[in-house]
Amino acid sequence: MTNVLIVGVGGQGVILVSKVLAYLAQQRGFEVKQSEVHGMAKRGGAVFSHVRFGPQVWSPTITQGEADVLVALEWAEGLRWLPWLRHGRGLFVADTKRIVPPFACLNRRPGAAMRYARETPAEVREHVAEGCAIDATRIAEDLGNERVANVVLLGALSVALDFTVDEWETALATFVPAKTLSVNLKAFGLGREWIERERRGEGTEPADTSHAATLAGSGTEVPAPWLEITPAWCKSCDICVKLCPERCLVLNGERVVELAEPERCTGCRLCEWLCPDFAIRVHLESPALSAAAAP
């Protein structure tokens, strides 16, 4: 029996990872049970999926302490589910991406302390048999498509399971849109290469790109947040405008979102998490630093 638990938040692709894994197991002739919670989890809400496969499977859910592998697409969700990992021999694979919900802010001043997990990858590794923290989102961004971060983690997961690369790639081709297959295969390969290097001791400690974690409670002055908006992707749905806590977004005359009052923006990222078309990206560093860091 193999138990794999995949966790994250809405919009990250948790269900795709679980479907690919379940399909692979079925193709091998295993009995497969899958259980997931996602119906009410909109973009940013908690999502998790249990996948169990083996010669015979009775229950679709993994009990606490019985997961052989825990795959986390978001850092805090991974930490929340750590008790489900098998003690002494479970594998923890996590993206270092931090999606900090707005209600985690004690106040909305930039740089203020937040109620969000502060554990670092190094601290977590001390409590698991094997743990790999990979900046899957940054790898996906470098490929030009942030949405394939889940497939980067799928590549990392593939090293721990007894399926061939050809089988994984065939499963991906079955579930991802044909026009994105090429970038998904690249993402899968990079994730697999990363964890193989990590297991050989050639990996490096992942850079913490979370400005929220870096700046929380620092008491230092931080640059004002700024929004990168891609007008061609905006569908005028108005979600970001209506749910902005500071009411600083509007739709302009062309029905494209714009930041009308920059001085009121606190960088809470709610607009970024809720945008169904990825048209908004919130930067918590100066435009010059963002340009320098771009691939």
C-alpha atoms as a PDB file:
ATOM      1  CA  MET A   1       0.000   0.000   0.000  1.00  0.00           C
ATOM      2  CA  THR A   2       1.288   3.452  -0.936  1.00  0.00           C
ATOM      3  CA  ASN A   3      -0.293   6.572   0.571  1.00  0.00           C
ATOM      4  CA  VAL A   4       0.305   9.979  -1.025  1.00  0.00           C
ATOM      5  CA  LEU A   5      -1.217  13.161   0.376  1.00  0.00           C
ATOM      6  CA  ILE A   6      -1.246  16.281  -1.826  1.00  0.00           C
ATOM      7  CA  VAL A   7      -2.135  19.629  -0.214  1.00  0.00           C
ATOM      8  CA  GLY A   8      -2.254  23.266  -1.228  1.00  0.00           C
ATOM      9  CA  VAL A   9      -4.717  26.051  -1.896  1.00  0.00           C
ATOM     10  CA  GLY A  10      -7.328  26.639  -4.561  1.00  0.00           C
ATOM     11  CA  GLY A  11      -5.941  27.431  -7.995  1.00  0.00           C
ATOM     12  CA  GLN A  12      -2.580  25.691  -7.559  1.00  0.00           C
ATOM     13  CA  GLY A  13      -3.451  22.414  -9.293  1.00  0.00           C
ATOM     14  CA  VAL A  14      -3.657  19.954  -6.399  1.00  0.00           C
ATOM     15  CA  ILE A  15      -6.339  17.944  -8.196  1.00  0.00           C
ATOM     16  CA  LEU A  16      -4.260  17.612 -11.375  1.00  0.00           C
ATOM     17  CA  VAL A  17      -1.388  16.100  -9.377  1.00  0.00           C
ATOM     18  CA  SER A  18      -3.704  13.584  -7.729  1.00  0.00           C
ATOM     19  CA  LYS A  19      -5.396  12.649 -11.018  1.00  0.00           C
ATOM     20  CA  VAL A  20      -2.081  12.005 -12.752  1.00  0.00           C
ATOM     21  CA  LEU A  21      -0.926   9.813  -9.862  1.00  0.00           C
ATOM     22  CA  ALA A  22      -4.198   7.874  -9.705  1.00  0.00           C
ATOM     23  CA  TYR A  23      -4.109   7.304 -13.462  1.00  0.00           C
ATOM     24  CA  LEU A  24      -0.549   5.977 -13.295  1.00  0.00           C
ATOM     25  CA  ALA A  25      -1.458   3.515 -10.556  1.00  0.00           C
ATOM     26  CA  GLN A  26      -4.508   2.306 -12.486  1.00  0.00           C
ATOM     27  CA  GLN A  27      -2.417   1.763 -15.621  1.00  0.00           C
ATOM     28  CA  ARG A  28      -0.125  -0.473 -13.564  1.00  0.00           C
ATOM     29  CA  GLY A  29      -3.093  -2.559 -12.478  1.00  0.00           C
ATOM     30  CA  PHE A  30      -3.251  -1.337  -8.885  1.00  0.00           C
ATOM     31  CA  GLU A  31      -6.480  -0.794  -7.014  1.00  0.00           C
ATOM     32  CA  VAL A  32      -6.792   2.947  -6.416  1.00  0.00           C
ATOM     33  CA  LYS A  33      -8.833   5.016  -3.993  1.00  0.00           C
ATOM     34  CA  GLN A  34      -8.880   8.808  -4.153  1.00  0.00           C
ATOM     35  CA  SER A  35     -10.537  11.316  -1.844  1.00  0.00           C
ATOM     36  CA  GLU A  36     -10.419  15.079  -2.142  1.00  0.00           C
ATOM     37  CA  VAL A  37     -11.890  18.260  -0.736  1.00  0.00           C
ATOM     38  CA  HIS A  38     -12.115  21.124  -3.186  1.00  0.00           C
ATOM     39  CA  GLY A  39     -15.738  21.975  -3.948  1.00  0.00           C
ATOM     40  CA  MET A  40     -15.927  25.072  -1.759  1.00  0.00           C
ATOM     41  CA  ALA A  41     -12.240  25.981  -1.961  1.00  0.00           C
ATOM     42  CA  LYS A  42     -12.078  28.939  -4.290  1.00  0.00           C
ATOM     43  CA  ARG A  43      -8.799  30.556  -5.275  1.00  0.00           C
ATOM     44  CA  GLY A  44      -6.816  30.743  -2.031  1.00  0.00           C
ATOM     45  CA  GLY A  45      -8.896  28.260  -0.006  1.00  0.00           C
ATOM     46  CA  ALA A  46      -7.510  25.006   1.404  1.00  0.00           C
ATOM     47  CA  VAL A  47      -7.469  21.982  -0.937  1.00  0.00           C
ATOM     48  CA  PHE A  48      -6.213  18.469  -0.242  1.00  0.00           C
ATOM     49  CA  SER A  49      -6.331  15.097  -1.967  1.00  0.00           C
ATOM     50  CA  HIS A  50      -5.638  11.577  -0.675  1.00  0.00           C
ATOM     51  CA  VAL A  51      -4.370   8.981  -3.164  1.00  0.00           C
ATOM     52  CA  ARG A  52      -3.960   5.364  -2.034  1.00  0.00           C
ATOM     53  CA  PHE A  53      -2.949   2.525  -4.313  1.00  0.00           C
ATOM     54  CA  GLY A  54      -1.855  -1.090  -3.958  1.00  0.00           C
ATOM     55  CA  PRO A  55      -3.009  -4.678  -4.573  1.00  0.00           C
ATOM     56  CA  GLN A  56      -6.087  -4.028  -2.437  1.00  0.00           C
ATOM     57  CA  VAL A  57      -7.359  -0.753  -0.986  1.00  0.00           C
ATOM     58  CA  TRP A  58     -10.301  -0.514   1.384  1.00  0.00           C
ATOM     59  CA  SER A  59     -10.458   3.117   2.518  1.00  0.00           C
ATOM     60  CA  PRO A  60     -10.043   6.260   0.368  1.00  0.00           C
ATOM     61  CA  THR A  61      -8.592   8.372   3.186  1.00  0.00           C
ATOM     62  CA  ILE A  62      -5.176   8.371   4.818  1.00  0.00           C
ATOM     63  CA  THR A  63      -5.179   8.325   8.596  1.00  0.00           C
ATOM     64  CA  GLN A  64      -2.872  10.548  10.623  1.00  0.00           C
ATOM     65  CA  GLY A  65       0.708   9.295  10.611  1.00  0.00           C
ATOM     66  CA  GLU A  66       0.190   6.956   7.619  1.00  0.00           C
ATOM     67  CA  ALA A  67       1.185   9.102   4.588  1.00  0.00           C
ATOM     68  CA  ASP A  68       4.273   7.764   2.825  1.00  0.00           C
ATOM     69  CA  VAL A  69       4.651  11.004   0.871  1.00  0.00           C
ATOM     70  CA  LEU A  70       3.332  14.490   1.621  1.00  0.00           C
ATOM     71  CA  VAL A  71       3.410  16.873  -1.350  1.00  0.00           C
ATOM     72  CA  ALA A  72       2.684  20.517  -0.465  1.00  0.00           C
ATOM     73  CA  LEU A  73       2.115  23.162  -3.109  1.00  0.00           C
ATOM     74  CA  GLU A  74       2.049  25.871  -0.421  1.00  0.00           C
ATOM     75  CA  TRP A  75       4.372  26.128   2.572  1.00  0.00           C
ATOM     76  CA  ALA A  76       1.943  26.672   5.461  1.00  0.00           C
ATOM     77  CA  GLU A  77      -0.455  23.995   4.171  1.00  0.00           C
ATOM     78  CA  GLY A  78       2.454  21.560   4.129  1.00  0.00           C
ATOM     79  CA  LEU A  79       3.286  22.335   7.753  1.00  0.00           C
ATOM     80  CA  ARG A  80      -0.367  21.978   8.761  1.00  0.00           C
ATOM     81  CA  TRP A  81      -0.471  18.440   7.368  1.00  0.00           C
ATOM     82  CA  LEU A  82       2.903  17.250   8.688  1.00  0.00           C
ATOM     83  CA  PRO A  83       1.268  15.089  11.425  1.00  0.00           C
ATOM     84  CA  TRP A  84      -0.152  12.907   8.627  1.00  0.00           C
ATOM     85  CA  LEU A  85       3.361  11.998   7.421  1.00  0.00           C
ATOM     86  CA  ARG A  86       4.674   8.587   8.439  1.00  0.00           C
ATOM     87  CA  HIS A  87       7.103   9.113  11.316  1.00  0.00           C
ATOM     88  CA  GLY A  88      10.677   8.040  10.661  1.00  0.00           C
ATOM     89  CA  ARG A  89      10.328   7.217   6.974  1.00  0.00           C
ATOM     90  CA  GLY A  90       7.945   9.622   5.265  1.00  0.00           C
ATOM     91  CA  LEU A  91       8.993  11.959   2.433  1.00  0.00           C
ATOM     92  CA  PHE A  92       8.004  15.642   2.579  1.00  0.00           C
ATOM     93  CA  VAL A  93       8.203  17.556  -0.730  1.00  0.00           C
ATOM     94  CA  ALA A  94       7.117  21.200  -0.567  1.00  0.00           C
ATOM     95  CA  ASP A  95       7.120  24.355  -2.607  1.00  0.00           C
ATOM     96  CA  THR A  96       8.544  27.263  -0.618  1.00  0.00           C
ATOM     97  CA  LYS A  97       5.796  29.497  -2.023  1.00  0.00           C
ATOM     98  CA  ARG A  98       3.917  31.333   0.704  1.00  0.00           C
ATOM     99  CA  ILE A  99       0.344  32.411   0.069  1.00  0.00           C
ATOM    100  CA  VAL A 100      -0.374  34.595   3.068  1.00  0.00           C
ATOM    101  CA  PRO A 101      -4.125  35.195   3.526  1.00  0.00           C
ATOM    102  CA  PRO A 102      -5.093  38.808   4.243  1.00  0.00           C
ATOM    103  CA  PHE A 103      -6.629  37.839   7.601  1.00  0.00           C
ATOM    104  CA  ALA A 104      -3.162  36.741   8.755  1.00  0.00           C
ATOM    105  CA  CYS A 105      -2.206  40.405   9.024  1.00  0.00           C
ATOM    106  CA  LEU A 106      -2.433  41.875  12.511  1.00  0.00           C
ATOM    107  CA  ASN A 107      -2.616  45.227  10.782  1.00  0.00           C
ATOM    108  CA  ARG A 108      -2.369  46.164   7.138  1.00  0.00           C
ATOM    109  CA  ARG A 109       0.705  48.362   7.410  1.00  0.00           C
ATOM    110  CA  PRO A 110       3.505  47.104   5.107  1.00  0.00           C
ATOM    111  CA  GLY A 111       6.077  45.232   7.195  1.00  0.00           C
ATOM    112  CA  ALA A 112       3.686  44.527  10.070  1.00  0.00           C
ATOM    113  CA  ALA A 113       3.838  41.196  11.920  1.00  0.00           C
ATOM    114  CA  MET A 114       1.639  38.413  10.548  1.00  0.00           C
ATOM    115  CA  ARG A 115       0.088  35.229  11.901  1.00  0.00           C
ATOM    116  CA  TYR A 116       1.751  32.942   9.388  1.00  0.00           C
ATOM    117  CA  ALA A 117       4.063  29.938   9.717  1.00  0.00           C
ATOM    118  CA  ARG A 118       7.601  31.134  10.461  1.00  0.00           C
ATOM    119  CA  GLU A 119       9.339  27.744  10.284  1.00  0.00           C
ATOM    120  CA  THR A 120      12.165  27.616   7.751  1.00  0.00           C
ATOM    121  CA  PRO A 121      12.925  24.618   5.500  1.00  0.00           C
ATOM    122  CA  ALA A 122      16.011  23.860   7.592  1.00  0.00           C
ATOM    123  CA  GLU A 123      13.942  23.719  10.792  1.00  0.00           C
ATOM    124  CA  VAL A 124      11.323  21.435   9.233  1.00  0.00           C
ATOM    125  CA  ARG A 125      13.918  19.031   7.854  1.00  0.00           C
ATOM    126  CA  GLU A 126      15.027  18.268  11.397  1.00  0.00           C
ATOM    127  CA  HIS A 127      11.619  16.687  12.076  1.00  0.00           C
ATOM    128  CA  VAL A 128      11.081  14.533   8.961  1.00  0.00           C
ATOM    129  CA  ALA A 129      12.883  11.450   7.658  1.00  0.00           C
ATOM    130  CA  GLU A 130      13.457  13.120   4.291  1.00  0.00           C
ATOM    131  CA  GLY A 131      12.419  16.613   3.316  1.00  0.00           C
ATOM    132  CA  CYS A 132      12.918  18.671   0.166  1.00  0.00           C
ATOM    133  CA  ALA A 133      11.917  22.333  -0.072  1.00  0.00           C
ATOM    134  CA  ILE A 134      11.959  23.465  -3.687  1.00  0.00           C
ATOM    135  CA  ASP A 135      11.173  26.889  -5.109  1.00  0.00           C
ATOM    136  CA  ALA A 136       8.845  25.336  -7.688  1.00  0.00           C
ATOM    137  CA  THR A 137       7.034  28.590  -8.362  1.00  0.00           C
ATOM    138  CA  ARG A 138      10.254  30.388  -9.308  1.00  0.00           C
ATOM    139  CA  ILE A 139      11.228  27.489 -11.590  1.00  0.00           C
ATOM    140  CA  ALA A 140       7.818  27.712 -13.263  1.00  0.00           C
ATOM    141  CA  GLU A 141       8.137  31.485 -13.638  1.00  0.00           C
ATOM    142  CA  ASP A 142      11.508  31.023 -15.330  1.00  0.00           C
ATOM    143  CA  LEU A 143       9.757  28.731 -17.819  1.00  0.00           C
ATOM    144  CA  GLY A 144       7.291  31.523 -18.519  1.00  0.00           C
ATOM    145  CA  ASN A 145       4.218  29.875 -16.959  1.00  0.00           C
ATOM    146  CA  GLU A 146       3.665  30.075 -13.187  1.00  0.00           C
ATOM    147  CA  ARG A 147       0.777  27.611 -13.456  1.00  0.00           C
ATOM    148  CA  VAL A 148       3.128  24.651 -14.029  1.00  0.00           C
ATOM    149  CA  ALA A 149       4.608  24.879 -10.513  1.00  0.00           C
ATOM    150  CA  ASN A 150       2.463  21.889  -9.558  1.00  0.00           C
ATOM    151  CA  VAL A 151       4.088  19.850 -12.350  1.00  0.00           C
ATOM    152  CA  VAL A 152       7.551  20.829 -11.061  1.00  0.00           C
ATOM    153  CA  LEU A 153       6.539  19.210  -7.764  1.00  0.00           C
ATOM    154  CA  LEU A 154       5.114  16.257  -9.683  1.00  0.00           C
ATOM    155  CA  GLY A 155       8.583  15.777 -11.179  1.00  0.00           C
ATOM    156  CA  ALA A 156      10.068  15.813  -7.683  1.00  0.00           C
ATOM    157  CA  LEU A 157       7.457  13.295  -6.525  1.00  0.00           C
ATOM    158  CA  SER A 158       8.255  10.987  -9.457  1.00  0.00           C
ATOM    159  CA  VAL A 159      11.694  10.160  -8.048  1.00  0.00           C
ATOM    160  CA  ALA A 160      10.105   8.623  -4.950  1.00  0.00           C
ATOM    161  CA  LEU A 161       7.651   6.328  -6.771  1.00  0.00           C
ATOM    162  CA  ASP A 162       8.194   3.256  -8.922  1.00  0.00           C
ATOM    163  CA  PHE A 163       6.955   4.536 -12.271  1.00  0.00           C
ATOM    164  CA  THR A 164       9.074   5.189 -15.360  1.00  0.00           C
ATOM    165  CA  VAL A 165       9.594   8.643 -16.841  1.00  0.00           C
ATOM    166  CA  ASP A 166       7.724   7.541 -19.969  1.00  0.00           C
ATOM    167  CA  GLU A 167       4.731   6.552 -17.854  1.00  0.00           C
ATOM    168  CA  TRP A 168       4.718   9.926 -16.094  1.00  0.00           C
ATOM    169  CA  GLU A 169       4.967  11.822 -19.380  1.00  0.00           C
ATOM    170  CA  THR A 170       2.160   9.780 -20.923  1.00  0.00           C
ATOM    171  CA  ALA A 171      -0.044  10.540 -17.929  1.00  0.00           C
ATOM    172  CA  LEU A 172       0.717  14.242 -18.204  1.00  0.00           C
ATOM    173  CA  ALA A 173      -0.163  14.209 -21.898  1.00  0.00           C
ATOM    174  CA  THR A 174      -3.515  12.685 -20.921  1.00  0.00           C
ATOM    175  CA  PHE A 175      -4.499  15.449 -18.510  1.00  0.00           C
ATOM    176  CA  VAL A 176      -2.862  18.758 -19.520  1.00  0.00           C
ATOM    177  CA  PRO A 177      -4.049  20.819 -22.510  1.00  0.00           C
ATOM    178  CA  ALA A 178      -2.157  19.901 -25.682  1.00  0.00           C
ATOM    179  CA  LYS A 179      -0.891  23.455 -26.195  1.00  0.00           C
ATOM    180  CA  THR A 180       0.783  23.422 -22.746  1.00  0.00           C
ATOM    181  CA  LEU A 181       2.266  19.933 -22.968  1.00  0.00           C
ATOM    182  CA  SER A 182       5.739  21.144 -23.937  1.00  0.00           C
ATOM    183  CA  VAL A 183       6.130  23.521 -20.976  1.00  0.00           C
ATOM    184  CA  ASN A 184       4.620  20.928 -18.621  1.00  0.00           C
ATOM    185  CA  LEU A 185       7.131  18.306 -19.720  1.00  0.00           C
ATOM    186  CA  LYS A 186       9.964  20.795 -19.175  1.00  0.00           C
ATOM    187  CA  ALA A 187       8.606  21.596 -15.709  1.00  0.00           C
ATOM    188  CA  PHE A 188       8.382  17.895 -14.886  1.00  0.00           C
ATOM    189  CA  GLY A 189      11.972  17.324 -15.993  1.00  0.00           C
ATOM    190  CA  LEU A 190      13.304  20.255 -13.956  1.00  0.00           C
ATOM    191  CA  GLY A 191      11.521  19.075 -10.809  1.00  0.00           C
ATOM    192  CA  ARG A 192      12.903  15.571 -11.234  1.00  0.00           C
ATOM    193  CA  GLU A 193      16.428  16.868 -11.857  1.00  0.00           C
ATOM    194  CA  TRP A 194      16.231  19.136  -8.805  1.00  0.00           C
ATOM    195  CA  ILE A 195      15.357  16.385  -6.336  1.00  0.00           C
ATOM    196  CA  GLU A 196      17.900  13.998  -7.857  1.00  0.00           C
ATOM    197  CA  ARG A 197      20.616  16.610  -7.266  1.00  0.00           C
ATOM    198  CA  GLU A 198      19.295  17.180  -3.745  1.00  0.00           C
ATOM    199  CA  ARG A 199      19.497  13.471  -2.960  1.00  0.00           C
ATOM    200  CA  ARG A 200      23.089  13.365  -4.226  1.00  0.00           C
ATOM    201  CA  GLY A 201      23.927  16.238  -1.888  1.00  0.00           C
ATOM    202  CA  GLU A 202      24.437  18.683  -4.748  1.00  0.00           C
ATOM    203  CA  GLY A 203      21.419  20.849  -4.027  1.00  0.00           C
ATOM    204  CA  THR A 204      21.449  24.280  -2.407  1.00  0.00           C
ATOM    205  CA  GLU A 205      19.281  25.712   0.308  1.00  0.00           C
ATOM    206  CA  PRO A 206      16.272  27.306  -1.422  1.00  0.00           C
ATOM    207  CA  ALA A 207      16.248  31.065  -1.397  1.00  0.00           C
ATOM    208  CA  ASP A 208      13.387  32.450   0.655  1.00  0.00           C
ATOM    209  CA  THR A 209      11.625  34.717  -1.801  1.00  0.00           C
ATOM    210  CA  SER A 210       8.806  35.524   0.600  1.00  0.00           C
ATOM    211  CA  HIS A 211       9.096  39.192   1.389  1.00  0.00           C
ATOM    212  CA  ALA A 212       6.289  38.709   3.896  1.00  0.00           C
ATOM    213  CA  ALA A 213       8.484  36.321   5.893  1.00  0.00           C
ATOM    214  CA  THR A 214      11.563  38.493   5.505  1.00  0.00           C
ATOM    215  CA  LEU A 215       9.904  41.715   6.540  1.00  0.00           C
ATOM    216  CA  ALA A 216       7.390  40.515   9.123  1.00  0.00           C
ATOM    217  CA  GLY A 217       7.914  42.359  12.362  1.00  0.00           C
ATOM    218  CA  SER A 218      11.215  43.778  11.190  1.00  0.00           C
ATOM    219  CA  GLY A 219      10.262  47.309  12.030  1.00  0.00           C
ATOM    220  CA  THR A 220      12.208  48.493   9.000  1.00  0.00           C
ATOM    221  CA  GLU A 221      10.907  50.738   6.291  1.00  0.00           C
ATOM    222  CA  VAL A 222       9.972  48.757   3.196  1.00  0.00           C
ATOM    223  CA  PRO A 223       9.297  49.904  -0.377  1.00  0.00           C
ATOM    224  CA  ALA A 224       5.695  50.631  -1.248  1.00  0.00           C
ATOM    225  CA  PRO A 225       4.050  47.693  -3.036  1.00  0.00           C
ATOM    226  CA  TRP A 226       3.336  48.080  -6.722  1.00  0.00           C
ATOM    227  CA  LEU A 227       1.078  46.184  -9.096  1.00  0.00           C
ATOM    228  CA  GLU A 228       2.063  44.639 -12.399  1.00  0.00           C
ATOM    229  CA  ILE A 229      -1.121  44.451 -14.460  1.00  0.00           C
ATOM    230  CA  THR A 230      -1.381  42.682 -17.823  1.00  0.00           C
ATOM    231  CA  PRO A 231      -4.314  44.446 -19.556  1.00  0.00           C
ATOM    232  CA  ALA A 232      -4.707  41.768 -22.245  1.00  0.00           C
ATOM    233  CA  TRP A 233      -5.465  39.166 -19.572  1.00  0.00           C
ATOM    234  CA  CYS A 234      -8.006  41.224 -17.624  1.00  0.00           C
ATOM    235  CA  LYS A 235     -11.574  40.033 -18.352  1.00  0.00           C
ATOM    236  CA  SER A 236     -13.300  42.845 -16.423  1.00  0.00           C
ATOM    237  CA  CYS A 237     -14.767  40.402 -13.890  1.00  0.00           C
ATOM    238  CA  ASP A 238     -14.474  43.086 -11.172  1.00  0.00           C
ATOM    239  CA  ILE A 239     -13.616  40.550  -8.429  1.00  0.00           C
ATOM    240  CA  CYS A 240     -10.421  42.327  -7.397  1.00  0.00           C
ATOM    241  CA  VAL A 241     -12.113  45.722  -7.299  1.00  0.00           C
ATOM    242  CA  LYS A 242     -14.990  44.558  -5.107  1.00  0.00           C
ATOM    243  CA  LEU A 243     -12.858  42.579  -2.656  1.00  0.00           C
ATOM    244  CA  CYS A 244      -9.893  44.943  -2.267  1.00  0.00           C
ATOM    245  CA  PRO A 245      -9.764  45.706   1.506  1.00  0.00           C
ATOM    246  CA  GLU A 246      -8.432  49.209   0.876  1.00  0.00           C
ATOM    247  CA  ARG A 247     -10.716  50.054  -2.071  1.00  0.00           C
ATOM    248  CA  CYS A 248      -7.768  51.235  -4.141  1.00  0.00           C
ATOM    249  CA  LEU A 249      -8.563  49.375  -7.397  1.00  0.00           C
ATOM    250  CA  VAL A 250     -10.970  50.486 -10.123  1.00  0.00           C
ATOM    251  CA  LEU A 251     -11.964  49.492 -13.636  1.00  0.00           C
ATOM    252  CA  ASN A 252     -10.971  52.225 -16.064  1.00  0.00           C
ATOM    253  CA  GLY A 253     -12.885  53.399 -19.115  1.00  0.00           C
ATOM    254  CA  GLU A 254     -11.737  50.355 -21.065  1.00  0.00           C
ATOM    255  CA  ARG A 255     -12.957  48.037 -18.272  1.00  0.00           C
ATOM    256  CA  VAL A 256      -9.407  47.074 -17.324  1.00  0.00           C
ATOM    257  CA  VAL A 257      -8.339  47.070 -13.687  1.00  0.00           C
ATOM    258  CA  GLU A 258      -5.912  49.753 -12.533  1.00  0.00           C
ATOM    259  CA  LEU A 259      -4.472  50.938  -9.248  1.00  0.00           C
ATOM    260  CA  ALA A 260      -6.238  54.241  -8.683  1.00  0.00           C
ATOM    261  CA  GLU A 261      -4.796  55.061  -5.241  1.00  0.00           C
ATOM    262  CA  PRO A 262      -1.277  53.555  -4.923  1.00  0.00           C
ATOM    263  CA  GLU A 263      -0.697  55.172  -1.536  1.00  0.00           C
ATOM    264  CA  ARG A 264      -3.477  53.053  -0.012  1.00  0.00           C
ATOM    265  CA  CYS A 265      -2.227  49.687  -1.314  1.00  0.00           C
ATOM    266  CA  THR A 266      -0.706  47.552   1.474  1.00  0.00           C
ATOM    267  CA  GLY A 267       0.441  44.632  -0.700  1.00  0.00           C
ATOM    268  CA  CYS A 268      -1.982  42.143   0.899  1.00  0.00           C
ATOM    269  CA  ARG A 269      -2.032  40.218  -2.427  1.00  0.00           C
ATOM    270  CA  LEU A 270      -5.756  39.473  -2.212  1.00  0.00           C
ATOM    271  CA  CYS A 271      -6.270  40.763  -5.755  1.00  0.00           C
ATOM    272  CA  GLU A 272      -3.438  38.551  -7.010  1.00  0.00           C
ATOM    273  CA  TRP A 273      -4.817  35.390  -5.379  1.00  0.00           C
ATOM    274  CA  LEU A 274      -8.390  36.010  -6.513  1.00  0.00           C
ATOM    275  CA  CYS A 275      -7.759  37.014 -10.137  1.00  0.00           C
ATOM    276  CA  PRO A 276      -8.987  34.041 -12.236  1.00  0.00           C
ATOM    277  CA  ASP A 277      -6.863  35.112 -15.207  1.00  0.00           C
ATOM    278  CA  PHE A 278      -3.533  35.869 -13.467  1.00  0.00           C
ATOM    279  CA  ALA A 279      -3.723  39.444 -14.742  1.00  0.00           C
ATOM    280  CA  ILE A 280      -2.381  40.986 -11.503  1.00  0.00           C
ATOM    281  CA  ARG A 281       0.923  40.438  -9.781  1.00  0.00           C
ATOM    282  CA  VAL A 282       1.829  42.262  -6.578  1.00  0.00           C
ATOM    283  CA  HIS A 283       5.488  43.172  -6.063  1.00  0.00           C
ATOM    284  CA  LEU A 284       6.789  44.003  -2.604  1.00  0.00           C
ATOM    285  CA  GLU A 285      10.109  45.275  -3.872  1.00  0.00           C
ATOM    286  CA  SER A 286      11.054  48.251  -6.012  1.00  0.00           C
ATOM    287  CA  PRO A 287      10.432  48.039  -9.793  1.00  0.00           C
ATOM    288  CA  ALA A 288      14.206  48.261 -10.345  1.00  0.00           C
ATOM    289  CA  LEU A 289      14.856  45.181  -8.185  1.00  0.00           C
ATOM    290  CA  SER A 290      12.091  43.235  -9.917  1.00  0.00           C
ATOM    291  CA  ALA A 291      13.552  44.046 -13.336  1.00  0.00           C
ATOM    292  CA  ALA A 292      17.018  42.991 -12.207  1.00  0.00           C
ATOM    293  CA  ALA A 293      15.714  39.655 -10.920  1.00  0.00           C
ATOM    294  CA  ALA A 294      13.740  38.866 -14.061  1.00  0.00           C
ATOM    295  CA  PRO A 295      15.148  36.021 -16.238  1.00  0.00           C
END
